[in-house]
Amino acid sequence: MDPRMAPSQPNVFLFVPNLIGYARVILMFIAFYYMRNPELYTITVACYLLSQLLDAFDGHAARLLGQSSKFGGMLDMLTDRCSTLGLVMALGVLYPDYFLFFQCYAVLDIWSHWIHLTASHYAGATSHKQIDLSENPILYYYYTNRTVLFGMCAGNELFFAALYLLRFSEGPDVGGYALFRSTALLCAPIMVIKSVISVVQLVAASKNIGIVDSEEHAKARS
């Protein structure tokens, strides 16, 4: 085939899902910039939640347009982790009595997702004895049911966003209940459940990687 007739390589960095990802990053940094300003807390939360909401659209665009990419997957995960980390760091400053809780949550969130990503990377290079994370019923339903995944992630982000808002206002009255406080209370159980799932994910992925190590050492001795 004439090389001149070969189709040009697509520019992954200009894929629509990745453009959405860049918008998420910009919104994240805008939220970070205004996060300590008590007069602009609504702008902070609006930018933060919009960045999180766009997370539902980049994956859909990738599937619809056939533009899934490893770069896009990494961009998506890192934006999720960094945005949540930034908000949790601010909450640790705004609620100093609960600083240790926010530290522990940040560590768990990053650790569990990173080791899950690493275990998934190793999955294609190991034997059939390696435990597939999808075999875990909790992780299976969490990652395969998009409604469950979206609901858990949305509830978790709303909990932390509501905590941030509560530092400045109780929110408008809705049926006799303060909106921000009610949102935090309603979403708190979701945050707890998602944290438990993170622990399950961390343990399962650690076991996965441990099996890889055991097999490699067994091969080295043989």
C-alpha atoms as a PDB file:
ATOM      1  CA  MET A   1       0.000   0.000   0.000  1.00  0.00           C
ATOM      2  CA  ASP A   2       1.303   3.411  -0.934  1.00  0.00           C
ATOM      3  CA  PRO A   3       2.341   5.201   2.311  1.00  0.00           C
ATOM      4  CA  ARG A   4       0.996   8.414   0.866  1.00  0.00           C
ATOM      5  CA  MET A   5      -2.474   6.861   0.831  1.00  0.00           C
ATOM      6  CA  ALA A   6      -2.327   5.740   4.460  1.00  0.00           C
ATOM      7  CA  PRO A   7      -4.711   7.637   6.727  1.00  0.00           C
ATOM      8  CA  SER A   8      -3.070  10.125   9.020  1.00  0.00           C
ATOM      9  CA  GLN A   9      -2.780   9.165  12.659  1.00  0.00           C
ATOM     10  CA  PRO A  10      -5.486  10.695  14.829  1.00  0.00           C
ATOM     11  CA  ASN A  11      -4.460  13.337  17.329  1.00  0.00           C
ATOM     12  CA  VAL A  12      -5.495  11.742  20.610  1.00  0.00           C
ATOM     13  CA  PHE A  13      -5.032  15.025  22.445  1.00  0.00           C
ATOM     14  CA  LEU A  14      -7.831  16.579  20.393  1.00  0.00           C
ATOM     15  CA  PHE A  15     -10.362  13.800  20.917  1.00  0.00           C
ATOM     16  CA  VAL A  16     -13.691  15.220  22.093  1.00  0.00           C
ATOM     17  CA  PRO A  17     -13.635  13.313  25.418  1.00  0.00           C
ATOM     18  CA  ASN A  18     -10.184  14.708  26.141  1.00  0.00           C
ATOM     19  CA  LEU A  19     -11.316  18.236  25.311  1.00  0.00           C
ATOM     20  CA  ILE A  20     -14.051  17.732  27.899  1.00  0.00           C
ATOM     21  CA  GLY A  21     -11.326  16.530  30.251  1.00  0.00           C
ATOM     22  CA  TYR A  22      -9.346  19.735  29.741  1.00  0.00           C
ATOM     23  CA  ALA A  23     -12.476  21.735  30.561  1.00  0.00           C
ATOM     24  CA  ARG A  24     -12.808  19.735  33.773  1.00  0.00           C
ATOM     25  CA  VAL A  25      -9.234  20.607  34.733  1.00  0.00           C
ATOM     26  CA  ILE A  26      -9.818  24.318  34.079  1.00  0.00           C
ATOM     27  CA  LEU A  27     -12.995  24.294  36.175  1.00  0.00           C
ATOM     28  CA  MET A  28     -11.138  22.452  38.923  1.00  0.00           C
ATOM     29  CA  PHE A  29      -8.444  25.115  39.136  1.00  0.00           C
ATOM     30  CA  ILE A  30     -11.019  27.917  39.090  1.00  0.00           C
ATOM     31  CA  ALA A  31     -12.714  26.243  42.050  1.00  0.00           C
ATOM     32  CA  PHE A  32      -9.368  25.916  43.832  1.00  0.00           C
ATOM     33  CA  TYR A  33      -8.591  29.588  43.225  1.00  0.00           C
ATOM     34  CA  TYR A  34     -11.802  30.799  44.879  1.00  0.00           C
ATOM     35  CA  MET A  35     -12.023  28.089  47.542  1.00  0.00           C
ATOM     36  CA  ARG A  36     -10.799  30.229  50.456  1.00  0.00           C
ATOM     37  CA  ASN A  37     -12.872  33.288  49.504  1.00  0.00           C
ATOM     38  CA  PRO A  38     -15.980  33.344  51.738  1.00  0.00           C
ATOM     39  CA  GLU A  39     -17.748  35.766  49.413  1.00  0.00           C
ATOM     40  CA  LEU A  40     -17.445  33.549  46.340  1.00  0.00           C
ATOM     41  CA  TYR A  41     -18.227  30.138  47.798  1.00  0.00           C
ATOM     42  CA  THR A  42     -21.126  29.634  45.372  1.00  0.00           C
ATOM     43  CA  ILE A  43     -18.808  30.123  42.387  1.00  0.00           C
ATOM     44  CA  THR A  44     -16.386  27.648  43.945  1.00  0.00           C
ATOM     45  CA  VAL A  45     -19.012  24.936  44.327  1.00  0.00           C
ATOM     46  CA  ALA A  46     -20.598  25.645  40.944  1.00  0.00           C
ATOM     47  CA  CYS A  47     -17.251  25.187  39.159  1.00  0.00           C
ATOM     48  CA  TYR A  48     -16.359  22.153  41.243  1.00  0.00           C
ATOM     49  CA  LEU A  49     -19.662  20.346  40.703  1.00  0.00           C
ATOM     50  CA  LEU A  50     -19.729  21.217  37.000  1.00  0.00           C
ATOM     51  CA  SER A  51     -16.282  19.674  36.672  1.00  0.00           C
ATOM     52  CA  GLN A  52     -17.569  16.540  38.377  1.00  0.00           C
ATOM     53  CA  LEU A  53     -20.724  16.467  36.267  1.00  0.00           C
ATOM     54  CA  LEU A  54     -18.716  16.590  33.042  1.00  0.00           C
ATOM     55  CA  ASP A  55     -17.133  13.328  34.169  1.00  0.00           C
ATOM     56  CA  ALA A  56     -20.352  11.612  33.095  1.00  0.00           C
ATOM     57  CA  PHE A  57     -20.140  13.108  29.605  1.00  0.00           C
ATOM     58  CA  ASP A  58     -16.541  12.390  28.626  1.00  0.00           C
ATOM     59  CA  GLY A  59     -17.009   8.646  28.948  1.00  0.00           C
ATOM     60  CA  HIS A  60     -20.262   8.786  27.003  1.00  0.00           C
ATOM     61  CA  ALA A  61     -18.595  10.832  24.265  1.00  0.00           C
ATOM     62  CA  ALA A  62     -15.713   8.368  24.107  1.00  0.00           C
ATOM     63  CA  ARG A  63     -18.054   5.432  23.556  1.00  0.00           C
ATOM     64  CA  LEU A  64     -20.322   7.303  21.162  1.00  0.00           C
ATOM     65  CA  LEU A  65     -17.508   8.643  18.974  1.00  0.00           C
ATOM     66  CA  GLY A  66     -15.199   5.674  19.281  1.00  0.00           C
ATOM     67  CA  GLN A  67     -12.567   7.913  20.880  1.00  0.00           C
ATOM     68  CA  SER A  68     -11.576   5.931  23.957  1.00  0.00           C
ATOM     69  CA  SER A  69      -7.891   6.310  24.777  1.00  0.00           C
ATOM     70  CA  LYS A  70      -5.412   5.406  27.484  1.00  0.00           C
ATOM     71  CA  PHE A  71      -4.514   9.075  27.821  1.00  0.00           C
ATOM     72  CA  GLY A  72      -8.178   9.968  28.295  1.00  0.00           C
ATOM     73  CA  GLY A  73      -8.632   7.298  30.933  1.00  0.00           C
ATOM     74  CA  MET A  74      -5.620   8.542  32.858  1.00  0.00           C
ATOM     75  CA  LEU A  75      -6.714  12.176  32.496  1.00  0.00           C
ATOM     76  CA  ASP A  76     -10.159  11.277  33.803  1.00  0.00           C
ATOM     77  CA  MET A  77      -8.905   9.364  36.830  1.00  0.00           C
ATOM     78  CA  LEU A  78      -6.296  11.936  37.812  1.00  0.00           C
ATOM     79  CA  THR A  79      -8.797  14.785  37.492  1.00  0.00           C
ATOM     80  CA  ASP A  80     -11.220  12.906  39.743  1.00  0.00           C
ATOM     81  CA  ARG A  81      -8.595  12.199  42.365  1.00  0.00           C
ATOM     82  CA  CYS A  82      -6.961  15.649  42.297  1.00  0.00           C
ATOM     83  CA  SER A  83     -10.243  17.565  42.436  1.00  0.00           C
ATOM     84  CA  THR A  84     -11.511  15.572  45.400  1.00  0.00           C
ATOM     85  CA  LEU A  85      -8.130  15.887  47.103  1.00  0.00           C
ATOM     86  CA  GLY A  86      -8.162  19.665  46.648  1.00  0.00           C
ATOM     87  CA  LEU A  87     -11.603  19.998  48.211  1.00  0.00           C
ATOM     88  CA  VAL A  88     -10.773  17.616  51.075  1.00  0.00           C
ATOM     89  CA  MET A  89      -7.602  19.606  51.814  1.00  0.00           C
ATOM     90  CA  ALA A  90      -9.678  22.786  52.035  1.00  0.00           C
ATOM     91  CA  LEU A  91     -12.176  21.068  54.317  1.00  0.00           C
ATOM     92  CA  GLY A  92      -9.339  20.034  56.594  1.00  0.00           C
ATOM     93  CA  VAL A  93      -8.475  23.715  56.998  1.00  0.00           C
ATOM     94  CA  LEU A  94     -12.090  24.810  57.398  1.00  0.00           C
ATOM     95  CA  TYR A  95     -12.855  22.040  59.902  1.00  0.00           C
ATOM     96  CA  PRO A  96      -9.596  21.647  61.868  1.00  0.00           C
ATOM     97  CA  ASP A  97     -11.210  19.362  64.470  1.00  0.00           C
ATOM     98  CA  TYR A  98     -11.761  16.784  61.718  1.00  0.00           C
ATOM     99  CA  PHE A  99      -8.425  17.240  59.987  1.00  0.00           C
ATOM    100  CA  LEU A 100      -7.355  13.638  60.644  1.00  0.00           C
ATOM    101  CA  PHE A 101     -10.567  12.320  59.077  1.00  0.00           C
ATOM    102  CA  PHE A 102      -9.976  14.302  55.883  1.00  0.00           C
ATOM    103  CA  GLN A 103      -6.347  13.149  55.774  1.00  0.00           C
ATOM    104  CA  CYS A 104      -7.381   9.507  56.096  1.00  0.00           C
ATOM    105  CA  TYR A 105     -10.076   9.887  53.450  1.00  0.00           C
ATOM    106  CA  ALA A 106      -7.615  11.438  50.988  1.00  0.00           C
ATOM    107  CA  VAL A 107      -5.081   8.660  51.538  1.00  0.00           C
ATOM    108  CA  LEU A 108      -7.709   5.941  51.105  1.00  0.00           C
ATOM    109  CA  ASP A 109      -9.145   7.520  47.967  1.00  0.00           C
ATOM    110  CA  ILE A 110      -5.786   7.867  46.203  1.00  0.00           C
ATOM    111  CA  TRP A 111      -4.334   4.581  47.432  1.00  0.00           C
ATOM    112  CA  SER A 112      -7.325   2.424  46.501  1.00  0.00           C
ATOM    113  CA  HIS A 113      -7.750   3.875  43.016  1.00  0.00           C
ATOM    114  CA  TRP A 114      -4.064   3.842  42.150  1.00  0.00           C
ATOM    115  CA  ILE A 115      -3.507   0.260  43.254  1.00  0.00           C
ATOM    116  CA  HIS A 116      -6.668  -0.770  41.389  1.00  0.00           C
ATOM    117  CA  LEU A 117      -5.291   0.838  38.226  1.00  0.00           C
ATOM    118  CA  THR A 118      -1.956  -0.918  38.715  1.00  0.00           C
ATOM    119  CA  ALA A 119      -3.626  -4.288  39.284  1.00  0.00           C
ATOM    120  CA  SER A 120      -5.674  -3.804  36.132  1.00  0.00           C
ATOM    121  CA  HIS A 121      -2.473  -3.065  34.214  1.00  0.00           C
ATOM    122  CA  TYR A 122      -0.901  -6.310  35.426  1.00  0.00           C
ATOM    123  CA  ALA A 123      -4.013  -8.329  34.599  1.00  0.00           C
ATOM    124  CA  GLY A 124      -3.086  -8.929  30.964  1.00  0.00           C
ATOM    125  CA  ALA A 125       0.359 -10.283  31.791  1.00  0.00           C
ATOM    126  CA  THR A 126      -0.449 -12.981  34.351  1.00  0.00           C
ATOM    127  CA  SER A 127      -1.918 -16.438  34.493  1.00  0.00           C
ATOM    128  CA  HIS A 128      -5.542 -17.445  34.752  1.00  0.00           C
ATOM    129  CA  LYS A 129      -5.010 -17.920  38.504  1.00  0.00           C
ATOM    130  CA  GLN A 130      -4.926 -14.180  39.046  1.00  0.00           C
ATOM    131  CA  ILE A 131      -8.060 -12.946  40.753  1.00  0.00           C
ATOM    132  CA  ASP A 132     -10.211 -10.803  38.495  1.00  0.00           C
ATOM    133  CA  LEU A 133     -11.506  -7.764  40.414  1.00  0.00           C
ATOM    134  CA  SER A 134     -14.827  -8.201  38.654  1.00  0.00           C
ATOM    135  CA  GLU A 135     -15.236 -11.505  40.494  1.00  0.00           C
ATOM    136  CA  ASN A 136     -15.800  -9.529  43.671  1.00  0.00           C
ATOM    137  CA  PRO A 137     -19.593  -8.950  43.769  1.00  0.00           C
ATOM    138  CA  ILE A 138     -19.257  -5.533  45.403  1.00  0.00           C
ATOM    139  CA  LEU A 139     -16.755  -4.249  42.873  1.00  0.00           C
ATOM    140  CA  TYR A 140     -18.575  -5.963  40.030  1.00  0.00           C
ATOM    141  CA  TYR A 141     -21.844  -4.114  40.609  1.00  0.00           C
ATOM    142  CA  TYR A 142     -20.048  -0.900  41.457  1.00  0.00           C
ATOM    143  CA  TYR A 143     -18.144  -0.779  38.172  1.00  0.00           C
ATOM    144  CA  THR A 144     -20.608  -2.443  35.781  1.00  0.00           C
ATOM    145  CA  ASN A 145     -23.821  -0.722  36.843  1.00  0.00           C
ATOM    146  CA  ARG A 146     -23.487   2.846  35.598  1.00  0.00           C
ATOM    147  CA  THR A 147     -26.488   4.006  37.604  1.00  0.00           C
ATOM    148  CA  VAL A 148     -24.940   2.733  40.825  1.00  0.00           C
ATOM    149  CA  LEU A 149     -21.532   4.152  39.924  1.00  0.00           C
ATOM    150  CA  PHE A 150     -22.947   7.573  39.056  1.00  0.00           C
ATOM    151  CA  GLY A 151     -25.146   7.658  42.161  1.00  0.00           C
ATOM    152  CA  MET A 152     -22.307   6.729  44.490  1.00  0.00           C
ATOM    153  CA  CYS A 153     -19.879   9.215  42.974  1.00  0.00           C
ATOM    154  CA  ALA A 154     -22.463  12.003  42.849  1.00  0.00           C
ATOM    155  CA  GLY A 155     -23.566  11.418  46.440  1.00  0.00           C
ATOM    156  CA  ASN A 156     -19.975  11.373  47.633  1.00  0.00           C
ATOM    157  CA  GLU A 157     -19.097  14.644  45.893  1.00  0.00           C
ATOM    158  CA  LEU A 158     -22.318  16.286  47.070  1.00  0.00           C
ATOM    159  CA  PHE A 159     -21.471  15.363  50.655  1.00  0.00           C
ATOM    160  CA  PHE A 160     -18.124  17.125  50.568  1.00  0.00           C
ATOM    161  CA  ALA A 161     -19.497  20.060  48.572  1.00  0.00           C
ATOM    162  CA  ALA A 162     -22.298  20.476  51.121  1.00  0.00           C
ATOM    163  CA  LEU A 163     -19.769  20.425  53.966  1.00  0.00           C
ATOM    164  CA  TYR A 164     -17.882  23.208  52.229  1.00  0.00           C
ATOM    165  CA  LEU A 165     -21.063  25.247  51.755  1.00  0.00           C
ATOM    166  CA  LEU A 166     -22.043  24.711  55.389  1.00  0.00           C
ATOM    167  CA  ARG A 167     -18.917  26.502  56.498  1.00  0.00           C
ATOM    168  CA  PHE A 168     -20.403  29.700  55.036  1.00  0.00           C
ATOM    169  CA  SER A 169     -24.181  29.195  55.058  1.00  0.00           C
ATOM    170  CA  GLU A 170     -26.940  26.785  56.020  1.00  0.00           C
ATOM    171  CA  GLY A 171     -28.440  27.318  52.585  1.00  0.00           C
ATOM    172  CA  PRO A 172     -31.970  28.227  51.508  1.00  0.00           C
ATOM    173  CA  ASP A 173     -34.946  26.847  53.366  1.00  0.00           C
ATOM    174  CA  VAL A 174     -36.623  23.985  51.521  1.00  0.00           C
ATOM    175  CA  GLY A 175     -39.764  22.674  53.182  1.00  0.00           C
ATOM    176  CA  GLY A 176     -38.539  23.775  56.568  1.00  0.00           C
ATOM    177  CA  TYR A 177     -35.086  22.217  56.136  1.00  0.00           C
ATOM    178  CA  ALA A 178     -31.780  23.975  55.456  1.00  0.00           C
ATOM    179  CA  LEU A 179     -30.662  22.764  52.019  1.00  0.00           C
ATOM    180  CA  PHE A 180     -26.916  22.477  52.594  1.00  0.00           C
ATOM    181  CA  ARG A 181     -27.193  20.744  55.972  1.00  0.00           C
ATOM    182  CA  SER A 182     -29.880  18.382  54.687  1.00  0.00           C
ATOM    183  CA  THR A 183     -27.768  17.494  51.664  1.00  0.00           C
ATOM    184  CA  ALA A 184     -24.775  16.713  53.865  1.00  0.00           C
ATOM    185  CA  LEU A 185     -26.858  14.491  56.156  1.00  0.00           C
ATOM    186  CA  LEU A 186     -28.536  12.649  53.295  1.00  0.00           C
ATOM    187  CA  CYS A 187     -25.279  12.055  51.428  1.00  0.00           C
ATOM    188  CA  ALA A 188     -23.173  11.086  54.457  1.00  0.00           C
ATOM    189  CA  PRO A 189     -24.207   7.386  54.264  1.00  0.00           C
ATOM    190  CA  ILE A 190     -23.213   7.336  50.583  1.00  0.00           C
ATOM    191  CA  MET A 191     -19.786   8.697  51.471  1.00  0.00           C
ATOM    192  CA  VAL A 192     -19.393   5.963  54.099  1.00  0.00           C
ATOM    193  CA  ILE A 193     -20.463   3.218  51.684  1.00  0.00           C
ATOM    194  CA  LYS A 194     -18.125   4.507  48.986  1.00  0.00           C
ATOM    195  CA  SER A 195     -15.277   4.524  51.504  1.00  0.00           C
ATOM    196  CA  VAL A 196     -16.027   0.900  52.375  1.00  0.00           C
ATOM    197  CA  ILE A 197     -15.961   0.060  48.659  1.00  0.00           C
ATOM    198  CA  SER A 198     -12.572   1.776  48.433  1.00  0.00           C
ATOM    199  CA  VAL A 199     -11.278  -0.482  51.206  1.00  0.00           C
ATOM    200  CA  VAL A 200     -12.644  -3.556  49.403  1.00  0.00           C
ATOM    201  CA  GLN A 201     -11.034  -2.342  46.192  1.00  0.00           C
ATOM    202  CA  LEU A 202      -7.706  -1.772  47.919  1.00  0.00           C
ATOM    203  CA  VAL A 203      -7.682  -5.252  49.480  1.00  0.00           C
ATOM    204  CA  ALA A 204      -8.741  -7.012  46.269  1.00  0.00           C
ATOM    205  CA  ALA A 205      -6.168  -5.174  44.149  1.00  0.00           C
ATOM    206  CA  SER A 206      -3.418  -5.798  46.720  1.00  0.00           C
ATOM    207  CA  LYS A 207      -4.227  -9.504  46.630  1.00  0.00           C
ATOM    208  CA  ASN A 208      -4.132  -9.373  42.842  1.00  0.00           C
ATOM    209  CA  ILE A 209      -0.674  -7.834  42.786  1.00  0.00           C
ATOM    210  CA  GLY A 210       0.508 -10.255  45.492  1.00  0.00           C
ATOM    211  CA  ILE A 211      -0.401 -13.175  43.232  1.00  0.00           C
ATOM    212  CA  VAL A 212       1.616 -11.620  40.419  1.00  0.00           C
ATOM    213  CA  ASP A 213       4.640 -11.317  42.711  1.00  0.00           C
ATOM    214  CA  SER A 214       4.274 -14.907  43.932  1.00  0.00           C
ATOM    215  CA  GLU A 215       4.157 -16.254  40.391  1.00  0.00           C
ATOM    216  CA  GLU A 216       7.184 -14.235  39.338  1.00  0.00           C
ATOM    217  CA  HIS A 217       9.216 -15.493  42.317  1.00  0.00           C
ATOM    218  CA  ALA A 218       8.110 -19.077  41.618  1.00  0.00           C
ATOM    219  CA  LYS A 219       9.262 -18.757  37.989  1.00  0.00           C
ATOM    220  CA  ALA A 220      12.593 -17.273  39.119  1.00  0.00           C
ATOM    221  CA  ARG A 221      13.256 -20.279  41.373  1.00  0.00           C
ATOM    222  CA  SER A 222      12.333 -22.843  38.713  1.00  0.00           C
END
